[in-house]
Amino acid sequence: MADLAPRRFRLIVFDWDGTLADSTAPIAAAIRAACAAVGRPMPSERDARYVIGLGLADALAHVAPGLTADETRELAAHYRRHYLDREPTIPLFEGVSQLLADLDDGGFLLGVATGKTRAGLDRAIAKNGLAGRFHATRCADEGFPKPHPDMLLALMDRLGAEPRDTLMIGDTTHDLDLARNAGAHALAVSYGAHAPEGLAAREPLATVHSVSELRAWLLTNG
């Protein structure tokens, strides 16, 4: 990205599922299948997509409220089984690997803030050949999950970035709320879990509709 405009952001933090990885449908399917496996009403596709990006405990409490601790553990086990069956087939969105390489080459600090567990993110990074691409990453099981600001604050602290020069990119309102709660800037992508109108209501800097649009936006505004 040698043709970048004068630098606005120092740190760019990506959500993973639905932003870098095309995983919305498999995650929603795993959530719905897990609920059915424990005899709970199957959530709608929309409700299952809504919780993507939250920590697993918060996500399951939303789609299956009122469970006991033992029931929650059983539901979580079913979810993990159904998700892991689907995980090997989940690709990155087309153009993501090159975008990340160009941003890295352009001197940006790159991070990930995700509702995945550390083990899950590490598997995904290794599977997609991105080891060493990110300067720091933060997962839901390492602190407070989205939309609490902990993830982004931890990344900024580790990498020496300020909120004013940090950009959070995500496909859910949870990502945009995370950025707002941490005092950082937010950019929405509409090709993941949440509908564009819900994203726009959070007033991100912009909403882009493809990885190519994301690249163009960063070239102009990054």
C-alpha atoms as a PDB file:
ATOM      1  CA  MET A   1       0.000   0.000   0.000  1.00  0.00           C
ATOM      2  CA  ALA A   2       2.668   2.446  -1.029  1.00  0.00           C
ATOM      3  CA  ASP A   3       0.017   4.854  -2.291  1.00  0.00           C
ATOM      4  CA  LEU A   4      -1.646   5.354   1.088  1.00  0.00           C
ATOM      5  CA  ALA A   5      -2.740   8.855   1.965  1.00  0.00           C
ATOM      6  CA  PRO A   6      -1.106  10.508   5.011  1.00  0.00           C
ATOM      7  CA  ARG A   7      -1.518   8.128   7.942  1.00  0.00           C
ATOM      8  CA  ARG A   8      -4.636   8.602  10.078  1.00  0.00           C
ATOM      9  CA  PHE A   9      -4.489   5.370  12.086  1.00  0.00           C
ATOM     10  CA  ARG A  10      -1.574   3.616  13.706  1.00  0.00           C
ATOM     11  CA  LEU A  11      -3.355   0.487  14.932  1.00  0.00           C
ATOM     12  CA  ILE A  12      -5.996  -1.406  12.935  1.00  0.00           C
ATOM     13  CA  VAL A  13      -7.866  -4.085  14.882  1.00  0.00           C
ATOM     14  CA  PHE A  14     -10.036  -6.650  13.124  1.00  0.00           C
ATOM     15  CA  ASP A  15     -12.813  -8.820  14.399  1.00  0.00           C
ATOM     16  CA  TRP A  16     -12.346 -12.372  13.096  1.00  0.00           C
ATOM     17  CA  ASP A  17     -15.657 -14.182  12.469  1.00  0.00           C
ATOM     18  CA  GLY A  18     -17.692 -12.476   9.755  1.00  0.00           C
ATOM     19  CA  THR A  19     -15.014  -9.839   9.153  1.00  0.00           C
ATOM     20  CA  LEU A  20     -11.907 -11.779   8.117  1.00  0.00           C
ATOM     21  CA  ALA A  21     -13.383 -15.292   8.019  1.00  0.00           C
ATOM     22  CA  ASP A  22     -16.547 -16.364   6.201  1.00  0.00           C
ATOM     23  CA  SER A  23     -17.853 -18.151   9.283  1.00  0.00           C
ATOM     24  CA  THR A  24     -21.245 -16.579   9.969  1.00  0.00           C
ATOM     25  CA  ALA A  25     -23.345 -19.394   8.501  1.00  0.00           C
ATOM     26  CA  PRO A  26     -21.385 -22.243  10.165  1.00  0.00           C
ATOM     27  CA  ILE A  27     -21.499 -20.550  13.571  1.00  0.00           C
ATOM     28  CA  ALA A  28     -25.218 -19.823  13.332  1.00  0.00           C
ATOM     29  CA  ALA A  29     -25.872 -23.407  12.238  1.00  0.00           C
ATOM     30  CA  ALA A  30     -23.850 -24.768  15.160  1.00  0.00           C
ATOM     31  CA  ILE A  31     -25.759 -22.588  17.640  1.00  0.00           C
ATOM     32  CA  ARG A  32     -29.114 -23.718  16.282  1.00  0.00           C
ATOM     33  CA  ALA A  33     -28.099 -27.382  16.222  1.00  0.00           C
ATOM     34  CA  ALA A  34     -26.812 -27.206  19.796  1.00  0.00           C
ATOM     35  CA  CYS A  35     -30.100 -25.770  21.039  1.00  0.00           C
ATOM     36  CA  ALA A  36     -32.023 -28.532  19.304  1.00  0.00           C
ATOM     37  CA  ALA A  37     -29.694 -31.165  20.791  1.00  0.00           C
ATOM     38  CA  VAL A  38     -30.573 -30.132  24.358  1.00  0.00           C
ATOM     39  CA  GLY A  39     -34.285 -29.778  23.663  1.00  0.00           C
ATOM     40  CA  ARG A  40     -34.400 -25.986  23.644  1.00  0.00           C
ATOM     41  CA  PRO A  41     -36.333 -24.046  21.010  1.00  0.00           C
ATOM     42  CA  MET A  42     -34.154 -23.515  17.967  1.00  0.00           C
ATOM     43  CA  PRO A  43     -33.384 -19.791  17.634  1.00  0.00           C
ATOM     44  CA  SER A  44     -34.077 -18.084  14.350  1.00  0.00           C
ATOM     45  CA  GLU A  45     -31.221 -17.596  11.932  1.00  0.00           C
ATOM     46  CA  ARG A  46     -31.298 -13.887  12.761  1.00  0.00           C
ATOM     47  CA  ASP A  47     -31.094 -14.482  16.509  1.00  0.00           C
ATOM     48  CA  ALA A  48     -28.259 -16.972  16.061  1.00  0.00           C
ATOM     49  CA  ARG A  49     -26.354 -14.491  13.910  1.00  0.00           C
ATOM     50  CA  TYR A  50     -26.942 -11.686  16.410  1.00  0.00           C
ATOM     51  CA  VAL A  51     -24.835 -13.332  19.136  1.00  0.00           C
ATOM     52  CA  ILE A  52     -21.807 -13.960  16.929  1.00  0.00           C
ATOM     53  CA  GLY A  53     -18.885 -12.020  18.352  1.00  0.00           C
ATOM     54  CA  LEU A  54     -19.997 -12.239  21.964  1.00  0.00           C
ATOM     55  CA  GLY A  55     -18.232 -14.517  24.398  1.00  0.00           C
ATOM     56  CA  LEU A  56     -19.704 -18.031  24.355  1.00  0.00           C
ATOM     57  CA  ALA A  57     -21.383 -17.715  27.759  1.00  0.00           C
ATOM     58  CA  ASP A  58     -23.116 -14.474  26.785  1.00  0.00           C
ATOM     59  CA  ALA A  59     -24.100 -15.866  23.390  1.00  0.00           C
ATOM     60  CA  LEU A  60     -25.682 -18.984  24.849  1.00  0.00           C
ATOM     61  CA  ALA A  61     -27.474 -17.031  27.573  1.00  0.00           C
ATOM     62  CA  HIS A  62     -29.056 -14.902  24.855  1.00  0.00           C
ATOM     63  CA  VAL A  63     -30.282 -17.756  22.645  1.00  0.00           C
ATOM     64  CA  ALA A  64     -31.257 -20.075  25.534  1.00  0.00           C
ATOM     65  CA  PRO A  65     -32.049 -17.970  28.610  1.00  0.00           C
ATOM     66  CA  GLY A  66     -32.721 -19.461  32.024  1.00  0.00           C
ATOM     67  CA  LEU A  67     -30.405 -22.454  31.836  1.00  0.00           C
ATOM     68  CA  THR A  68     -28.792 -23.899  34.925  1.00  0.00           C
ATOM     69  CA  ALA A  69     -25.005 -24.080  35.094  1.00  0.00           C
ATOM     70  CA  ASP A  70     -25.067 -27.772  34.151  1.00  0.00           C
ATOM     71  CA  GLU A  71     -27.426 -27.124  31.245  1.00  0.00           C
ATOM     72  CA  THR A  72     -25.203 -24.297  30.016  1.00  0.00           C
ATOM     73  CA  ARG A  73     -22.162 -26.578  30.075  1.00  0.00           C
ATOM     74  CA  GLU A  74     -24.083 -29.217  28.114  1.00  0.00           C
ATOM     75  CA  LEU A  75     -25.233 -26.660  25.549  1.00  0.00           C
ATOM     76  CA  ALA A  76     -21.690 -25.314  25.203  1.00  0.00           C
ATOM     77  CA  ALA A  77     -20.342 -28.823  24.635  1.00  0.00           C
ATOM     78  CA  HIS A  78     -22.879 -29.450  21.882  1.00  0.00           C
ATOM     79  CA  TYR A  79     -22.048 -26.098  20.290  1.00  0.00           C
ATOM     80  CA  ARG A  80     -18.334 -26.836  20.272  1.00  0.00           C
ATOM     81  CA  ARG A  81     -18.915 -30.259  18.726  1.00  0.00           C
ATOM     82  CA  HIS A  82     -21.110 -28.877  15.957  1.00  0.00           C
ATOM     83  CA  TYR A  83     -18.783 -25.958  15.307  1.00  0.00           C
ATOM     84  CA  LEU A  84     -15.621 -28.064  15.222  1.00  0.00           C
ATOM     85  CA  ASP A  85     -17.264 -30.349  12.657  1.00  0.00           C
ATOM     86  CA  ARG A  86     -17.634 -27.299  10.407  1.00  0.00           C
ATOM     87  CA  GLU A  87     -14.419 -25.444  11.242  1.00  0.00           C
ATOM     88  CA  PRO A  88     -12.100 -27.112   8.673  1.00  0.00           C
ATOM     89  CA  THR A  89     -14.202 -25.793   5.787  1.00  0.00           C
ATOM     90  CA  ILE A  90     -14.292 -22.127   6.914  1.00  0.00           C
ATOM     91  CA  PRO A  91     -12.294 -19.880   4.540  1.00  0.00           C
ATOM     92  CA  LEU A  92     -11.065 -16.347   4.799  1.00  0.00           C
ATOM     93  CA  PHE A  93     -13.008 -13.932   2.651  1.00  0.00           C
ATOM     94  CA  GLU A  94     -11.406 -13.494  -0.753  1.00  0.00           C
ATOM     95  CA  GLY A  95      -8.777 -10.782  -0.657  1.00  0.00           C
ATOM     96  CA  VAL A  96      -8.234 -10.804   3.116  1.00  0.00           C
ATOM     97  CA  SER A  97      -4.763 -12.370   3.089  1.00  0.00           C
ATOM     98  CA  GLN A  98      -3.466  -9.845   0.570  1.00  0.00           C
ATOM     99  CA  LEU A  99      -5.108  -6.939   2.401  1.00  0.00           C
ATOM    100  CA  LEU A 100      -3.432  -7.915   5.656  1.00  0.00           C
ATOM    101  CA  ALA A 101      -0.074  -8.335   3.931  1.00  0.00           C
ATOM    102  CA  ASP A 102      -0.372  -4.904   2.334  1.00  0.00           C
ATOM    103  CA  LEU A 103      -1.349  -3.239   5.614  1.00  0.00           C
ATOM    104  CA  ASP A 104       1.555  -4.928   7.372  1.00  0.00           C
ATOM    105  CA  ASP A 105       3.943  -3.858   4.630  1.00  0.00           C
ATOM    106  CA  GLY A 106       2.497  -0.337   4.889  1.00  0.00           C
ATOM    107  CA  GLY A 107       3.661  -0.072   8.484  1.00  0.00           C
ATOM    108  CA  PHE A 108       0.346  -0.408  10.295  1.00  0.00           C
ATOM    109  CA  LEU A 109       0.101  -2.255  13.585  1.00  0.00           C
ATOM    110  CA  LEU A 110      -2.438  -5.052  13.151  1.00  0.00           C
ATOM    111  CA  GLY A 111      -4.538  -6.686  15.865  1.00  0.00           C
ATOM    112  CA  VAL A 112      -7.489  -9.009  16.365  1.00  0.00           C
ATOM    113  CA  ALA A 113     -10.252  -8.653  18.953  1.00  0.00           C
ATOM    114  CA  THR A 114     -12.536 -11.665  18.815  1.00  0.00           C
ATOM    115  CA  GLY A 115     -15.212 -13.587  20.644  1.00  0.00           C
ATOM    116  CA  LYS A 116     -13.273 -16.769  19.862  1.00  0.00           C
ATOM    117  CA  THR A 117     -11.284 -18.571  22.512  1.00  0.00           C
ATOM    118  CA  ARG A 118      -7.497 -18.373  22.415  1.00  0.00           C
ATOM    119  CA  ALA A 119      -7.328 -21.978  21.229  1.00  0.00           C
ATOM    120  CA  GLY A 120      -9.888 -21.283  18.504  1.00  0.00           C
ATOM    121  CA  LEU A 121      -8.138 -18.167  17.212  1.00  0.00           C
ATOM    122  CA  ASP A 122      -4.746 -19.852  17.235  1.00  0.00           C
ATOM    123  CA  ARG A 123      -6.166 -22.724  15.150  1.00  0.00           C
ATOM    124  CA  ALA A 124      -7.729 -20.288  12.675  1.00  0.00           C
ATOM    125  CA  ILE A 125      -4.551 -18.222  12.309  1.00  0.00           C
ATOM    126  CA  ALA A 126      -2.428 -21.340  11.754  1.00  0.00           C
ATOM    127  CA  LYS A 127      -4.927 -22.872   9.297  1.00  0.00           C
ATOM    128  CA  ASN A 128      -4.902 -19.725   7.168  1.00  0.00           C
ATOM    129  CA  GLY A 129      -1.145 -19.188   7.172  1.00  0.00           C
ATOM    130  CA  LEU A 130      -1.282 -15.930   9.124  1.00  0.00           C
ATOM    131  CA  ALA A 131       1.186 -16.738  11.877  1.00  0.00           C
ATOM    132  CA  GLY A 132       3.169 -13.591  12.613  1.00  0.00           C
ATOM    133  CA  ARG A 133       0.840 -11.327  10.637  1.00  0.00           C
ATOM    134  CA  PHE A 134      -0.766  -9.744  13.706  1.00  0.00           C
ATOM    135  CA  HIS A 135       1.195  -7.740  16.230  1.00  0.00           C
ATOM    136  CA  ALA A 136      -1.208  -8.619  19.063  1.00  0.00           C
ATOM    137  CA  THR A 137      -4.505 -10.468  19.495  1.00  0.00           C
ATOM    138  CA  ARG A 138      -7.096 -10.660  22.251  1.00  0.00           C
ATOM    139  CA  CYS A 139      -9.774 -13.303  22.822  1.00  0.00           C
ATOM    140  CA  ALA A 140     -12.986 -13.551  24.829  1.00  0.00           C
ATOM    141  CA  ASP A 141     -11.515 -15.994  27.359  1.00  0.00           C
ATOM    142  CA  GLU A 142      -8.626 -13.665  28.243  1.00  0.00           C
ATOM    143  CA  GLY A 143     -10.656 -10.889  29.853  1.00  0.00           C
ATOM    144  CA  PHE A 144     -14.027  -9.249  29.463  1.00  0.00           C
ATOM    145  CA  PRO A 145     -15.770 -10.061  26.153  1.00  0.00           C
ATOM    146  CA  LYS A 146     -17.374  -7.576  23.760  1.00  0.00           C
ATOM    147  CA  PRO A 147     -18.808  -5.002  24.063  1.00  0.00           C
ATOM    148  CA  HIS A 148     -16.768  -4.315  27.217  1.00  0.00           C
ATOM    149  CA  PRO A 149     -13.738  -2.196  26.197  1.00  0.00           C
ATOM    150  CA  ASP A 150     -11.225  -4.579  27.786  1.00  0.00           C
ATOM    151  CA  MET A 151     -10.114  -6.244  24.544  1.00  0.00           C
ATOM    152  CA  LEU A 152      -9.342  -3.037  22.713  1.00  0.00           C
ATOM    153  CA  LEU A 153      -7.833  -1.312  25.743  1.00  0.00           C
ATOM    154  CA  ALA A 154      -5.511  -4.282  26.254  1.00  0.00           C
ATOM    155  CA  LEU A 155      -4.402  -4.220  22.617  1.00  0.00           C
ATOM    156  CA  MET A 156      -3.803  -0.474  22.652  1.00  0.00           C
ATOM    157  CA  ASP A 157      -1.822  -0.742  25.870  1.00  0.00           C
ATOM    158  CA  ARG A 158       0.308  -3.600  24.569  1.00  0.00           C
ATOM    159  CA  LEU A 159       1.087  -1.866  21.280  1.00  0.00           C
ATOM    160  CA  GLY A 160       1.413   1.671  22.594  1.00  0.00           C
ATOM    161  CA  ALA A 161      -1.487   3.083  20.583  1.00  0.00           C
ATOM    162  CA  GLU A 162      -3.942   5.783  21.594  1.00  0.00           C
ATOM    163  CA  PRO A 163      -7.710   5.620  21.015  1.00  0.00           C
ATOM    164  CA  ARG A 164      -7.522   8.510  18.560  1.00  0.00           C
ATOM    165  CA  ASP A 165      -5.209   6.542  16.248  1.00  0.00           C
ATOM    166  CA  THR A 166      -6.914   3.147  16.632  1.00  0.00           C
ATOM    167  CA  LEU A 167      -9.491   1.745  14.194  1.00  0.00           C
ATOM    168  CA  MET A 168     -11.730  -1.234  15.012  1.00  0.00           C
ATOM    169  CA  ILE A 169     -13.194  -3.065  12.001  1.00  0.00           C
ATOM    170  CA  GLY A 170     -16.099  -5.447  12.503  1.00  0.00           C
ATOM    171  CA  ASP A 171     -19.331  -6.908  11.178  1.00  0.00           C
ATOM    172  CA  THR A 172     -21.479  -6.657  14.322  1.00  0.00           C
ATOM    173  CA  THR A 173     -22.854  -3.987  16.606  1.00  0.00           C
ATOM    174  CA  HIS A 174     -20.816  -5.663  19.360  1.00  0.00           C
ATOM    175  CA  ASP A 175     -17.637  -4.650  17.516  1.00  0.00           C
ATOM    176  CA  LEU A 176     -18.824  -1.092  17.033  1.00  0.00           C
ATOM    177  CA  ASP A 177     -19.904  -0.835  20.680  1.00  0.00           C
ATOM    178  CA  LEU A 178     -16.498  -2.165  21.712  1.00  0.00           C
ATOM    179  CA  ALA A 179     -14.807   0.623  19.765  1.00  0.00           C
ATOM    180  CA  ARG A 180     -17.087   3.290  21.211  1.00  0.00           C
ATOM    181  CA  ASN A 181     -16.610   2.020  24.757  1.00  0.00           C
ATOM    182  CA  ALA A 182     -12.833   2.117  24.304  1.00  0.00           C
ATOM    183  CA  GLY A 183     -12.890   5.608  22.769  1.00  0.00           C
ATOM    184  CA  ALA A 184     -11.566   4.323  19.419  1.00  0.00           C
ATOM    185  CA  HIS A 185     -12.839   4.739  15.864  1.00  0.00           C
ATOM    186  CA  ALA A 186     -15.007   2.100  14.173  1.00  0.00           C
ATOM    187  CA  LEU A 187     -15.550   0.904  10.618  1.00  0.00           C
ATOM    188  CA  ALA A 188     -18.383  -1.507   9.802  1.00  0.00           C
ATOM    189  CA  VAL A 189     -18.456  -4.278   7.207  1.00  0.00           C
ATOM    190  CA  SER A 190     -21.909  -5.414   6.068  1.00  0.00           C
ATOM    191  CA  TYR A 191     -21.001  -8.821   4.623  1.00  0.00           C
ATOM    192  CA  GLY A 192     -20.979 -10.647   7.983  1.00  0.00           C
ATOM    193  CA  ALA A 193     -23.441 -11.353  10.779  1.00  0.00           C
ATOM    194  CA  HIS A 194     -25.417  -8.122  11.314  1.00  0.00           C
ATOM    195  CA  ALA A 195     -27.617  -6.179   8.944  1.00  0.00           C
ATOM    196  CA  PRO A 196     -26.370  -2.854   7.524  1.00  0.00           C
ATOM    197  CA  GLU A 197     -29.133  -0.815   9.145  1.00  0.00           C
ATOM    198  CA  GLY A 198     -28.174  -2.003  12.622  1.00  0.00           C
ATOM    199  CA  LEU A 199     -24.543  -1.214  11.957  1.00  0.00           C
ATOM    200  CA  ALA A 200     -25.354   2.245  10.597  1.00  0.00           C
ATOM    201  CA  ALA A 201     -27.317   3.054  13.750  1.00  0.00           C
ATOM    202  CA  ARG A 202     -24.023   2.867  15.681  1.00  0.00           C
ATOM    203  CA  GLU A 203     -22.625   5.659  13.448  1.00  0.00           C
ATOM    204  CA  PRO A 204     -19.315   4.107  12.359  1.00  0.00           C
ATOM    205  CA  LEU A 205     -16.985   6.152  10.199  1.00  0.00           C
ATOM    206  CA  ALA A 206     -18.380   4.211   7.231  1.00  0.00           C
ATOM    207  CA  THR A 207     -19.964   0.907   6.267  1.00  0.00           C
ATOM    208  CA  VAL A 208     -18.310  -1.072   3.477  1.00  0.00           C
ATOM    209  CA  HIS A 209     -19.874  -3.996   1.647  1.00  0.00           C
ATOM    210  CA  SER A 210     -16.952  -6.133   0.490  1.00  0.00           C
ATOM    211  CA  VAL A 211     -13.275  -6.731   1.144  1.00  0.00           C
ATOM    212  CA  SER A 212     -12.464  -4.762  -1.999  1.00  0.00           C
ATOM    213  CA  GLU A 213     -14.450  -1.797  -0.637  1.00  0.00           C
ATOM    214  CA  LEU A 214     -12.660  -2.192   2.677  1.00  0.00           C
ATOM    215  CA  ARG A 215      -9.324  -2.054   0.895  1.00  0.00           C
ATOM    216  CA  ALA A 216     -10.364   1.053  -1.046  1.00  0.00           C
ATOM    217  CA  TRP A 217     -11.565   2.775   2.112  1.00  0.00           C
ATOM    218  CA  LEU A 218      -8.314   2.079   3.913  1.00  0.00           C
ATOM    219  CA  LEU A 219      -6.280   3.296   0.948  1.00  0.00           C
ATOM    220  CA  THR A 220      -8.119   6.600   1.075  1.00  0.00           C
ATOM    221  CA  ASN A 221      -8.744   7.023   4.798  1.00  0.00           C
ATOM    222  CA  GLY A 222      -6.250   4.809   6.629  1.00  0.00           C
END
